Amino acid sequence: MKRLCYKEVITKSRNKTKTTWNIIHKEKGNLTNENNIKSLRVNNHTVHNQISIANELIDYFVNIAGSISNKRINKKTPLQNLFKYFNQPFKDVNWPYTATKEINKIIDSLKSKNCSGYDKISIKIIKISKPFIISPLINICNKMLAQGNYPERLKFSLIKPIYKSGDKSSPSNYRPISLLPAFSKIF
């Protein structure tokens, strides 16, 4: 019923594109500023500017990751470990092409969430539009496999701080999550 209702609204609309995007935003749920961090305490001073807060959290997350990796017993780099176990070159790898059934199965297996990466496209939107986008997705995926090239834009993610517990103004009480583009998950 909802689909029929939206179809009628779009059909009667003068600006079909704008109406379609309004419906998508409505279904997706409007983003609110409730998740914004109001203030952050850094080096005994409080920061209120959102850009400064973002930069401080980035610095904290980067530095904490570095300090954790320095505590590892194995001081070899990941590349050194690869050379240790795989000292002979790989033979050419031939990937089988993907098919509609496989992409359908992958899309269906993803959780229908409203969250999205930097591209603002959620899994829920992809599942709704699956009949219309499945053919281009298969074509793109097969081209990526044939060329052995993964698009740079699909490697980007949106990093968000998630509050854990304790003092909300302390950077140590947040953990970063990485929101990947939905198409990245499919490919």
N, C-alpha and C. Protein backbone atom coordinates (compact mmCIF):
# COMPACT_ATOMS: atom_id res chain seq x y z
N MET A 1 0.83 -1.19 0.00
CA MET A 1 0.00 0.00 0.00
C MET A 1 0.87 1.26 0.00
N LYS A 2 1.94 1.18 0.78
CA LYS A 2 2.84 2.33 0.86
C LYS A 2 3.45 2.61 -0.51
N ARG A 3 3.88 1.54 -1.18
CA ARG A 3 4.49 1.68 -2.50
C ARG A 3 3.50 2.29 -3.50
N LEU A 4 2.27 1.83 -3.47
CA LEU A 4 1.25 2.37 -4.36
C LEU A 4 0.97 3.85 -4.05
N CYS A 5 0.94 4.16 -2.77
CA CYS A 5 0.72 5.55 -2.36
C CYS A 5 1.84 6.45 -2.87
N TYR A 6 3.09 6.00 -2.68
CA TYR A 6 4.24 6.80 -3.13
C TYR A 6 4.25 6.92 -4.66
N LYS A 7 3.88 5.84 -5.32
CA LYS A 7 3.83 5.87 -6.79
C LYS A 7 2.83 6.93 -7.26
N GLU A 8 1.69 6.99 -6.61
CA GLU A 8 0.67 7.97 -6.96
C GLU A 8 1.15 9.40 -6.68
N VAL A 9 1.82 9.59 -5.54
CA VAL A 9 2.34 10.91 -5.19
C VAL A 9 3.36 11.36 -6.23
N ILE A 10 4.25 10.46 -6.62
CA ILE A 10 5.29 10.80 -7.60
C ILE A 10 4.65 11.07 -8.97
N THR A 11 3.69 10.26 -9.35
CA THR A 11 3.03 10.43 -10.65
C THR A 11 2.33 11.78 -10.76
N LYS A 12 1.69 12.21 -9.68
CA LYS A 12 0.95 13.48 -9.69
C LYS A 12 1.85 14.69 -9.49
N SER A 13 3.08 14.46 -9.13
CA SER A 13 3.99 15.56 -8.82
C SER A 13 4.50 16.24 -10.09
N ARG A 14 4.73 17.55 -9.98
CA ARG A 14 5.35 18.29 -11.10
C ARG A 14 6.84 18.00 -11.17
N ASN A 15 7.49 18.04 -10.01
CA ASN A 15 8.93 17.79 -9.94
C ASN A 15 9.13 16.39 -9.36
N LYS A 16 9.18 15.39 -10.22
CA LYS A 16 9.24 14.00 -9.80
C LYS A 16 10.53 13.68 -9.04
N THR A 17 11.63 14.27 -9.47
CA THR A 17 12.91 14.02 -8.81
C THR A 17 12.87 14.52 -7.37
N LYS A 18 12.43 15.75 -7.19
CA LYS A 18 12.38 16.32 -5.84
C LYS A 18 11.43 15.52 -4.95
N THR A 19 10.28 15.15 -5.49
CA THR A 19 9.32 14.37 -4.73
C THR A 19 9.90 13.02 -4.35
N THR A 20 10.59 12.38 -5.28
CA THR A 20 11.22 11.09 -4.99
C THR A 20 12.23 11.22 -3.87
N TRP A 21 13.08 12.25 -3.93
CA TRP A 21 14.08 12.43 -2.88
C TRP A 21 13.43 12.77 -1.54
N ASN A 22 12.34 13.51 -1.56
CA ASN A 22 11.63 13.80 -0.31
C ASN A 22 11.10 12.52 0.31
N ILE A 23 10.59 11.62 -0.51
CA ILE A 23 10.10 10.33 -0.01
C ILE A 23 11.25 9.50 0.55
N ILE A 24 12.36 9.50 -0.18
CA ILE A 24 13.54 8.75 0.29
C ILE A 24 14.00 9.29 1.64
N HIS A 25 14.10 10.61 1.76
CA HIS A 25 14.52 11.20 3.04
C HIS A 25 13.52 10.90 4.15
N LYS A 26 12.25 10.88 3.82
CA LYS A 26 11.22 10.57 4.82
C LYS A 26 11.37 9.13 5.30
N GLU A 27 11.56 8.19 4.37
CA GLU A 27 11.71 6.79 4.72
C GLU A 27 13.00 6.53 5.48
N LYS A 28 14.02 7.24 5.08
CA LYS A 28 15.33 7.07 5.68
C LYS A 28 15.36 7.62 7.10
N GLY A 29 14.56 8.62 7.36
CA GLY A 29 14.56 9.25 8.67
C GLY A 29 15.49 10.45 8.64
N ASN A 30 15.00 11.58 9.06
CA ASN A 30 15.82 12.79 9.04
C ASN A 30 16.92 12.70 10.07
N LEU A 31 18.08 13.15 9.69
CA LEU A 31 19.20 13.21 10.61
C LEU A 31 19.01 14.41 11.53
N THR A 32 19.22 14.19 12.80
CA THR A 32 19.08 15.28 13.75
C THR A 32 20.44 15.59 14.36
N ASN A 33 20.51 16.68 15.06
CA ASN A 33 21.76 17.06 15.71
C ASN A 33 21.84 16.53 17.13
N GLU A 34 20.98 15.55 17.48
CA GLU A 34 21.00 14.99 18.82
C GLU A 34 22.31 14.28 19.11
N ASN A 35 22.98 13.77 18.09
CA ASN A 35 24.22 13.04 18.28
C ASN A 35 25.43 13.95 18.41
N ASN A 36 25.26 15.25 18.21
CA ASN A 36 26.38 16.17 18.32
C ASN A 36 26.88 16.22 19.75
N ILE A 37 28.18 16.27 19.88
CA ILE A 37 28.80 16.39 21.20
C ILE A 37 28.86 17.87 21.52
N LYS A 38 28.28 18.25 22.63
CA LYS A 38 28.17 19.68 23.00
C LYS A 38 29.52 20.27 23.38
N SER A 39 30.31 19.53 24.15
CA SER A 39 31.62 20.03 24.57
C SER A 39 32.54 18.84 24.83
N LEU A 40 33.84 19.14 24.80
CA LEU A 40 34.85 18.11 25.02
C LEU A 40 35.99 18.72 25.83
N ARG A 41 36.45 17.99 26.84
CA ARG A 41 37.53 18.49 27.68
C ARG A 41 38.86 17.90 27.18
N VAL A 42 39.78 18.79 26.80
CA VAL A 42 41.07 18.39 26.26
C VAL A 42 42.15 19.21 26.94
N ASN A 43 43.11 18.52 27.54
CA ASN A 43 44.24 19.20 28.21
C ASN A 43 43.77 20.32 29.14
N ASN A 44 42.83 20.01 29.99
CA ASN A 44 42.31 20.95 31.00
C ASN A 44 41.63 22.18 30.43
N HIS A 45 41.20 22.15 29.18
CA HIS A 45 40.37 23.22 28.66
C HIS A 45 39.19 22.60 27.89
N THR A 46 38.08 23.31 27.87
CA THR A 46 36.87 22.79 27.26
C THR A 46 36.69 23.38 25.87
N VAL A 47 36.38 22.50 24.91
CA VAL A 47 36.19 22.89 23.53
C VAL A 47 34.69 22.79 23.21
N HIS A 48 34.12 23.83 22.59
CA HIS A 48 32.70 23.84 22.24
C HIS A 48 32.46 23.84 20.73
N ASN A 49 33.40 24.30 19.95
CA ASN A 49 33.27 24.37 18.50
C ASN A 49 33.24 22.96 17.92
N GLN A 50 32.23 22.66 17.07
CA GLN A 50 32.06 21.31 16.51
C GLN A 50 33.27 20.86 15.69
N ILE A 51 33.87 21.76 14.94
CA ILE A 51 35.04 21.40 14.14
C ILE A 51 36.22 21.07 15.05
N SER A 52 36.41 21.86 16.09
CA SER A 52 37.49 21.60 17.05
C SER A 52 37.26 20.27 17.77
N ILE A 53 36.01 20.00 18.13
CA ILE A 53 35.69 18.73 18.79
C ILE A 53 36.01 17.57 17.86
N ALA A 54 35.62 17.69 16.59
CA ALA A 54 35.90 16.64 15.61
C ALA A 54 37.41 16.42 15.47
N ASN A 55 38.16 17.50 15.36
CA ASN A 55 39.62 17.39 15.22
C ASN A 55 40.26 16.76 16.46
N GLU A 56 39.78 17.12 17.64
CA GLU A 56 40.33 16.55 18.87
C GLU A 56 40.04 15.06 18.96
N LEU A 57 38.83 14.65 18.57
CA LEU A 57 38.50 13.23 18.59
C LEU A 57 39.32 12.45 17.57
N ILE A 58 39.53 13.03 16.39
CA ILE A 58 40.38 12.38 15.38
C ILE A 58 41.78 12.18 15.93
N ASP A 59 42.35 13.24 16.52
CA ASP A 59 43.69 13.13 17.11
C ASP A 59 43.73 12.05 18.18
N TYR A 60 42.71 12.03 19.03
CA TYR A 60 42.66 11.04 20.12
C TYR A 60 42.60 9.63 19.55
N PHE A 61 41.69 9.40 18.59
CA PHE A 61 41.54 8.05 18.03
C PHE A 61 42.80 7.59 17.31
N VAL A 62 43.43 8.49 16.58
CA VAL A 62 44.66 8.13 15.87
C VAL A 62 45.78 7.81 16.85
N ASN A 63 45.95 8.64 17.88
CA ASN A 63 47.03 8.43 18.84
C ASN A 63 46.81 7.20 19.71
N ILE A 64 45.55 6.94 20.09
CA ILE A 64 45.29 5.77 20.92
C ILE A 64 45.55 4.49 20.14
N ALA A 65 45.21 4.50 18.85
CA ALA A 65 45.49 3.33 18.01
C ALA A 65 46.99 3.10 17.90
N GLY A 66 47.75 4.19 17.75
CA GLY A 66 49.21 4.07 17.68
C GLY A 66 49.81 3.53 18.96
N SER A 67 49.29 3.99 20.11
CA SER A 67 49.84 3.52 21.39
C SER A 67 49.50 2.06 21.64
N ILE A 68 48.35 1.62 21.18
CA ILE A 68 47.99 0.21 21.33
C ILE A 68 48.86 -0.66 20.43
N SER A 69 49.08 -0.22 19.19
CA SER A 69 49.89 -1.02 18.27
C SER A 69 51.35 -1.07 18.71
N ASN A 70 51.84 -0.04 19.43
CA ASN A 70 53.21 -0.05 19.92
C ASN A 70 53.40 -1.07 21.04
N LYS A 71 52.32 -1.48 21.69
CA LYS A 71 52.41 -2.44 22.78
C LYS A 71 52.44 -3.88 22.28
N ARG A 72 52.25 -4.06 20.97
CA ARG A 72 52.26 -5.42 20.42
C ARG A 72 53.63 -6.06 20.63
N ILE A 73 53.63 -7.35 20.86
CA ILE A 73 54.89 -8.08 21.04
C ILE A 73 55.62 -8.17 19.71
N ASN A 74 54.90 -8.46 18.66
CA ASN A 74 55.49 -8.60 17.33
C ASN A 74 55.68 -7.21 16.74
N LYS A 75 56.91 -6.76 16.62
CA LYS A 75 57.21 -5.42 16.12
C LYS A 75 57.33 -5.36 14.60
N LYS A 76 57.10 -6.49 13.91
CA LYS A 76 57.19 -6.48 12.45
C LYS A 76 55.97 -5.78 11.87
N THR A 77 56.17 -5.18 10.73
CA THR A 77 55.07 -4.53 10.03
C THR A 77 54.20 -5.61 9.38
N PRO A 78 52.95 -5.30 9.08
CA PRO A 78 52.11 -6.30 8.39
C PRO A 78 52.70 -6.78 7.08
N LEU A 79 53.36 -5.88 6.35
CA LEU A 79 53.98 -6.27 5.09
C LEU A 79 55.12 -7.27 5.32
N GLN A 80 55.90 -7.07 6.38
CA GLN A 80 56.97 -8.02 6.70
C GLN A 80 56.40 -9.40 7.03
N ASN A 81 55.28 -9.42 7.74
CA ASN A 81 54.64 -10.70 8.06
C ASN A 81 54.16 -11.40 6.81
N LEU A 82 53.61 -10.64 5.85
CA LEU A 82 53.17 -11.26 4.60
C LEU A 82 54.34 -11.89 3.85
N PHE A 83 55.46 -11.17 3.78
CA PHE A 83 56.63 -11.70 3.09
C PHE A 83 57.18 -12.94 3.80
N LYS A 84 57.03 -12.99 5.11
CA LYS A 84 57.51 -14.15 5.87
C LYS A 84 56.75 -15.41 5.46
N TYR A 85 55.43 -15.30 5.34
CA TYR A 85 54.61 -16.47 5.05
C TYR A 85 54.37 -16.71 3.57
N PHE A 86 54.48 -15.67 2.77
CA PHE A 86 54.23 -15.80 1.34
C PHE A 86 55.43 -15.23 0.58
N ASN A 87 56.53 -15.95 0.60
CA ASN A 87 57.75 -15.43 0.00
C ASN A 87 57.84 -15.69 -1.50
N GLN A 88 56.88 -16.42 -2.07
CA GLN A 88 56.86 -16.64 -3.51
C GLN A 88 55.70 -15.85 -4.11
N PRO A 89 55.89 -15.34 -5.31
CA PRO A 89 54.80 -14.55 -5.92
C PRO A 89 53.56 -15.40 -6.19
N PHE A 90 52.42 -14.76 -6.13
CA PHE A 90 51.16 -15.43 -6.43
C PHE A 90 51.01 -15.61 -7.93
N LYS A 91 50.40 -16.71 -8.31
CA LYS A 91 50.07 -16.89 -9.72
C LYS A 91 48.87 -16.01 -10.02
N ASP A 92 48.61 -15.80 -11.28
CA ASP A 92 47.45 -14.99 -11.67
C ASP A 92 46.18 -15.59 -11.07
N VAL A 93 45.38 -14.72 -10.49
CA VAL A 93 44.13 -15.15 -9.90
C VAL A 93 43.00 -14.82 -10.88
N ASN A 94 42.19 -15.79 -11.21
CA ASN A 94 41.04 -15.57 -12.08
C ASN A 94 39.78 -15.73 -11.25
N TRP A 95 39.05 -14.63 -11.12
CA TRP A 95 37.81 -14.64 -10.34
C TRP A 95 36.65 -15.00 -11.24
N PRO A 96 35.75 -15.84 -10.75
CA PRO A 96 34.55 -16.12 -11.56
C PRO A 96 33.63 -14.90 -11.52
N TYR A 97 32.94 -14.68 -12.61
CA TYR A 97 32.01 -13.56 -12.66
C TYR A 97 30.85 -13.81 -11.71
N THR A 98 30.26 -12.73 -11.25
CA THR A 98 29.11 -12.84 -10.36
C THR A 98 27.82 -12.88 -11.17
N ALA A 99 26.76 -13.31 -10.53
CA ALA A 99 25.47 -13.43 -11.21
C ALA A 99 24.38 -12.79 -10.35
N THR A 100 23.21 -12.68 -10.93
CA THR A 100 22.07 -12.05 -10.26
C THR A 100 21.77 -12.74 -8.94
N LYS A 101 21.79 -14.05 -8.94
CA LYS A 101 21.47 -14.81 -7.73
C LYS A 101 22.41 -14.44 -6.57
N GLU A 102 23.69 -14.32 -6.88
CA GLU A 102 24.68 -14.01 -5.84
C GLU A 102 24.48 -12.60 -5.28
N ILE A 103 24.29 -11.61 -6.14
CA ILE A 103 24.09 -10.24 -5.68
C ILE A 103 22.77 -10.13 -4.91
N ASN A 104 21.72 -10.80 -5.38
CA ASN A 104 20.45 -10.82 -4.65
C ASN A 104 20.64 -11.37 -3.24
N LYS A 105 21.37 -12.47 -3.14
CA LYS A 105 21.62 -13.11 -1.84
C LYS A 105 22.39 -12.17 -0.91
N ILE A 106 23.37 -11.47 -1.45
CA ILE A 106 24.17 -10.55 -0.65
C ILE A 106 23.30 -9.39 -0.14
N ILE A 107 22.53 -8.79 -1.03
CA ILE A 107 21.67 -7.67 -0.63
C ILE A 107 20.65 -8.11 0.41
N ASP A 108 20.05 -9.28 0.20
CA ASP A 108 19.06 -9.78 1.15
C ASP A 108 19.66 -10.10 2.52
N SER A 109 20.95 -10.47 2.54
CA SER A 109 21.59 -10.83 3.80
C SER A 109 21.97 -9.61 4.65
N LEU A 110 22.02 -8.43 4.04
CA LEU A 110 22.38 -7.22 4.79
C LEU A 110 21.22 -6.77 5.67
N LYS A 111 21.55 -6.26 6.85
CA LYS A 111 20.52 -5.77 7.77
C LYS A 111 19.93 -4.48 7.23
N SER A 112 18.60 -4.39 7.27
CA SER A 112 17.90 -3.19 6.79
C SER A 112 18.00 -2.09 7.84
N LYS A 113 19.00 -1.24 7.68
CA LYS A 113 19.19 -0.14 8.61
C LYS A 113 19.06 1.19 7.88
N ASN A 114 18.76 2.22 8.64
CA ASN A 114 18.65 3.56 8.06
C ASN A 114 19.99 4.29 8.05
N CYS A 115 21.00 3.77 8.77
CA CYS A 115 22.29 4.46 8.79
C CYS A 115 22.96 4.32 7.43
N SER A 116 23.81 5.28 7.13
CA SER A 116 24.47 5.28 5.83
C SER A 116 25.87 5.86 5.95
N GLY A 117 26.66 5.62 4.93
CA GLY A 117 28.00 6.18 4.87
C GLY A 117 27.96 7.61 4.35
N TYR A 118 29.10 8.08 3.85
CA TYR A 118 29.17 9.45 3.37
C TYR A 118 28.25 9.70 2.17
N ASP A 119 27.86 8.64 1.47
CA ASP A 119 27.03 8.80 0.28
C ASP A 119 25.54 8.96 0.60
N LYS A 120 25.16 8.80 1.87
CA LYS A 120 23.78 8.98 2.34
C LYS A 120 22.80 7.96 1.75
N ILE A 121 23.30 6.82 1.30
CA ILE A 121 22.44 5.77 0.77
C ILE A 121 22.45 4.61 1.77
N SER A 122 21.29 4.28 2.31
CA SER A 122 21.21 3.22 3.31
C SER A 122 20.90 1.88 2.65
N ILE A 123 21.13 0.82 3.40
CA ILE A 123 20.81 -0.53 2.93
C ILE A 123 19.31 -0.64 2.68
N LYS A 124 18.52 0.02 3.50
CA LYS A 124 17.06 -0.01 3.34
C LYS A 124 16.66 0.51 1.95
N ILE A 125 17.29 1.61 1.52
CA ILE A 125 17.01 2.19 0.19
C ILE A 125 17.44 1.22 -0.91
N ILE A 126 18.58 0.58 -0.73
CA ILE A 126 19.07 -0.36 -1.74
C ILE A 126 18.13 -1.56 -1.86
N LYS A 127 17.65 -2.04 -0.72
CA LYS A 127 16.72 -3.18 -0.77
C LYS A 127 15.43 -2.82 -1.48
N ILE A 128 14.95 -1.60 -1.26
CA ILE A 128 13.71 -1.16 -1.92
C ILE A 128 13.93 -1.03 -3.43
N SER A 129 15.09 -0.52 -3.81
CA SER A 129 15.36 -0.27 -5.23
C SER A 129 16.08 -1.43 -5.93
N LYS A 130 16.24 -2.54 -5.24
CA LYS A 130 16.98 -3.69 -5.79
C LYS A 130 16.55 -4.11 -7.19
N PRO A 131 15.26 -4.22 -7.49
CA PRO A 131 14.88 -4.66 -8.84
C PRO A 131 15.39 -3.73 -9.95
N PHE A 132 15.60 -2.47 -9.62
CA PHE A 132 16.01 -1.49 -10.63
C PHE A 132 17.52 -1.35 -10.74
N ILE A 133 18.25 -1.71 -9.69
CA ILE A 133 19.70 -1.49 -9.70
C ILE A 133 20.51 -2.77 -9.80
N ILE A 134 19.87 -3.93 -9.75
CA ILE A 134 20.60 -5.19 -9.73
C ILE A 134 21.45 -5.39 -10.99
N SER A 135 20.91 -5.07 -12.15
CA SER A 135 21.65 -5.27 -13.40
C SER A 135 22.90 -4.38 -13.47
N PRO A 136 22.79 -3.06 -13.19
CA PRO A 136 24.02 -2.26 -13.18
C PRO A 136 25.03 -2.70 -12.12
N LEU A 137 24.54 -3.17 -10.96
CA LEU A 137 25.46 -3.64 -9.91
C LEU A 137 26.26 -4.85 -10.38
N ILE A 138 25.60 -5.76 -11.06
CA ILE A 138 26.28 -6.95 -11.57
C ILE A 138 27.33 -6.55 -12.60
N ASN A 139 26.96 -5.63 -13.49
CA ASN A 139 27.89 -5.15 -14.51
C ASN A 139 29.12 -4.50 -13.87
N ILE A 140 28.90 -3.62 -12.91
CA ILE A 140 30.01 -2.93 -12.23
C ILE A 140 30.89 -3.94 -11.49
N CYS A 141 30.26 -4.85 -10.77
CA CYS A 141 31.01 -5.85 -10.00
C CYS A 141 31.88 -6.71 -10.93
N ASN A 142 31.31 -7.15 -12.03
CA ASN A 142 32.07 -7.98 -12.97
C ASN A 142 33.22 -7.20 -13.62
N LYS A 143 33.01 -5.92 -13.89
CA LYS A 143 34.10 -5.10 -14.44
C LYS A 143 35.22 -4.94 -13.42
N MET A 144 34.84 -4.77 -12.15
CA MET A 144 35.86 -4.65 -11.10
C MET A 144 36.68 -5.94 -10.99
N LEU A 145 36.00 -7.09 -11.07
CA LEU A 145 36.70 -8.38 -11.01
C LEU A 145 37.60 -8.58 -12.23
N ALA A 146 37.11 -8.21 -13.41
CA ALA A 146 37.89 -8.40 -14.64
C ALA A 146 39.13 -7.51 -14.66
N GLN A 147 38.99 -6.28 -14.16
CA GLN A 147 40.11 -5.33 -14.19
C GLN A 147 40.98 -5.42 -12.96
N GLY A 148 40.49 -6.09 -11.91
CA GLY A 148 41.25 -6.18 -10.67
C GLY A 148 41.40 -4.83 -10.00
N ASN A 149 40.37 -4.00 -10.12
CA ASN A 149 40.45 -2.64 -9.61
C ASN A 149 39.23 -2.36 -8.75
N TYR A 150 39.46 -1.87 -7.53
CA TYR A 150 38.36 -1.50 -6.63
C TYR A 150 38.31 0.02 -6.56
N PRO A 151 37.16 0.63 -6.81
CA PRO A 151 37.07 2.09 -6.86
C PRO A 151 37.50 2.77 -5.55
N GLU A 152 38.30 3.81 -5.68
CA GLU A 152 38.81 4.54 -4.51
C GLU A 152 37.68 5.08 -3.65
N ARG A 153 36.62 5.60 -4.27
CA ARG A 153 35.52 6.21 -3.51
C ARG A 153 34.83 5.20 -2.59
N LEU A 154 34.87 3.92 -2.94
CA LEU A 154 34.24 2.91 -2.09
C LEU A 154 35.12 2.53 -0.91
N LYS A 155 36.34 3.03 -0.87
CA LYS A 155 37.24 2.76 0.25
C LYS A 155 37.08 3.77 1.37
N PHE A 156 36.36 4.86 1.11
CA PHE A 156 36.17 5.89 2.13
C PHE A 156 35.08 5.47 3.10
N SER A 157 35.21 5.94 4.32
CA SER A 157 34.16 5.67 5.30
C SER A 157 33.92 6.93 6.13
N LEU A 158 32.79 6.95 6.78
CA LEU A 158 32.42 8.04 7.66
C LEU A 158 32.70 7.57 9.08
N ILE A 159 33.57 8.25 9.80
CA ILE A 159 33.92 7.87 11.17
C ILE A 159 33.08 8.69 12.13
N LYS A 160 32.37 8.00 13.03
CA LYS A 160 31.53 8.69 14.01
C LYS A 160 31.93 8.26 15.41
N PRO A 161 32.00 9.21 16.34
CA PRO A 161 32.28 8.82 17.73
C PRO A 161 30.99 8.35 18.40
N ILE A 162 31.06 7.22 19.08
CA ILE A 162 29.91 6.68 19.81
C ILE A 162 30.23 6.73 21.30
N TYR A 163 29.33 7.35 22.04
CA TYR A 163 29.50 7.47 23.48
C TYR A 163 29.40 6.09 24.13
N LYS A 164 30.35 5.77 25.03
CA LYS A 164 30.34 4.49 25.75
C LYS A 164 29.68 4.68 27.11
N SER A 165 30.38 5.33 28.02
CA SER A 165 29.84 5.61 29.35
C SER A 165 30.78 6.57 30.05
N GLY A 166 30.35 7.12 31.18
CA GLY A 166 31.18 8.03 31.95
C GLY A 166 30.96 9.47 31.54
N ASP A 167 32.01 10.27 31.72
CA ASP A 167 31.96 11.71 31.45
C ASP A 167 31.88 11.96 29.95
N LYS A 168 30.81 12.61 29.51
CA LYS A 168 30.62 12.86 28.07
C LYS A 168 31.62 13.87 27.52
N SER A 169 32.32 14.58 28.37
CA SER A 169 33.28 15.57 27.87
C SER A 169 34.69 15.00 27.75
N SER A 170 34.86 13.70 28.05
CA SER A 170 36.18 13.07 27.95
C SER A 170 36.29 12.26 26.68
N PRO A 171 37.32 12.51 25.86
CA PRO A 171 37.48 11.76 24.61
C PRO A 171 37.62 10.25 24.82
N SER A 172 38.14 9.83 25.97
CA SER A 172 38.34 8.40 26.23
C SER A 172 37.03 7.65 26.42
N ASN A 173 35.92 8.37 26.57
CA ASN A 173 34.62 7.74 26.75
C ASN A 173 33.85 7.61 25.44
N TYR A 174 34.55 7.74 24.32
CA TYR A 174 33.96 7.56 23.01
C TYR A 174 34.75 6.50 22.25
N ARG A 175 34.06 5.81 21.38
CA ARG A 175 34.76 4.86 20.50
C ARG A 175 34.37 5.19 19.06
N PRO A 176 35.30 5.02 18.14
CA PRO A 176 34.96 5.34 16.74
C PRO A 176 34.27 4.17 16.06
N ILE A 177 33.28 4.47 15.23
CA ILE A 177 32.72 3.46 14.34
C ILE A 177 32.90 3.96 12.92
N SER A 178 33.02 3.04 12.02
CA SER A 178 33.24 3.37 10.62
C SER A 178 32.00 2.99 9.83
N LEU A 179 31.36 3.98 9.21
CA LEU A 179 30.17 3.72 8.39
C LEU A 179 30.60 3.67 6.92
N LEU A 180 30.56 2.48 6.37
CA LEU A 180 30.95 2.28 4.97
C LEU A 180 29.79 2.58 4.04
N PRO A 181 30.09 2.96 2.80
CA PRO A 181 29.00 3.10 1.83
C PRO A 181 28.33 1.74 1.62
N ALA A 182 27.03 1.75 1.42
CA ALA A 182 26.28 0.50 1.26
C ALA A 182 26.79 -0.32 0.07
N PHE A 183 27.14 0.35 -1.01
CA PHE A 183 27.61 -0.37 -2.19
C PHE A 183 28.95 -1.04 -1.92
N SER A 184 29.75 -0.47 -1.05
CA SER A 184 31.01 -1.07 -0.67
C SER A 184 30.78 -2.43 -0.01
N LYS A 185 29.75 -2.50 0.83
CA LYS A 185 29.41 -3.75 1.51
C LYS A 185 28.98 -4.80 0.50
N ILE A 186 28.25 -4.40 -0.51
CA ILE A 186 27.77 -5.35 -1.51
C ILE A 186 28.93 -5.88 -2.34
N PHE A 187 29.81 -4.98 -2.80
CA PHE A 187 30.93 -5.42 -3.63
C PHE A 187 31.92 -6.22 -2.82
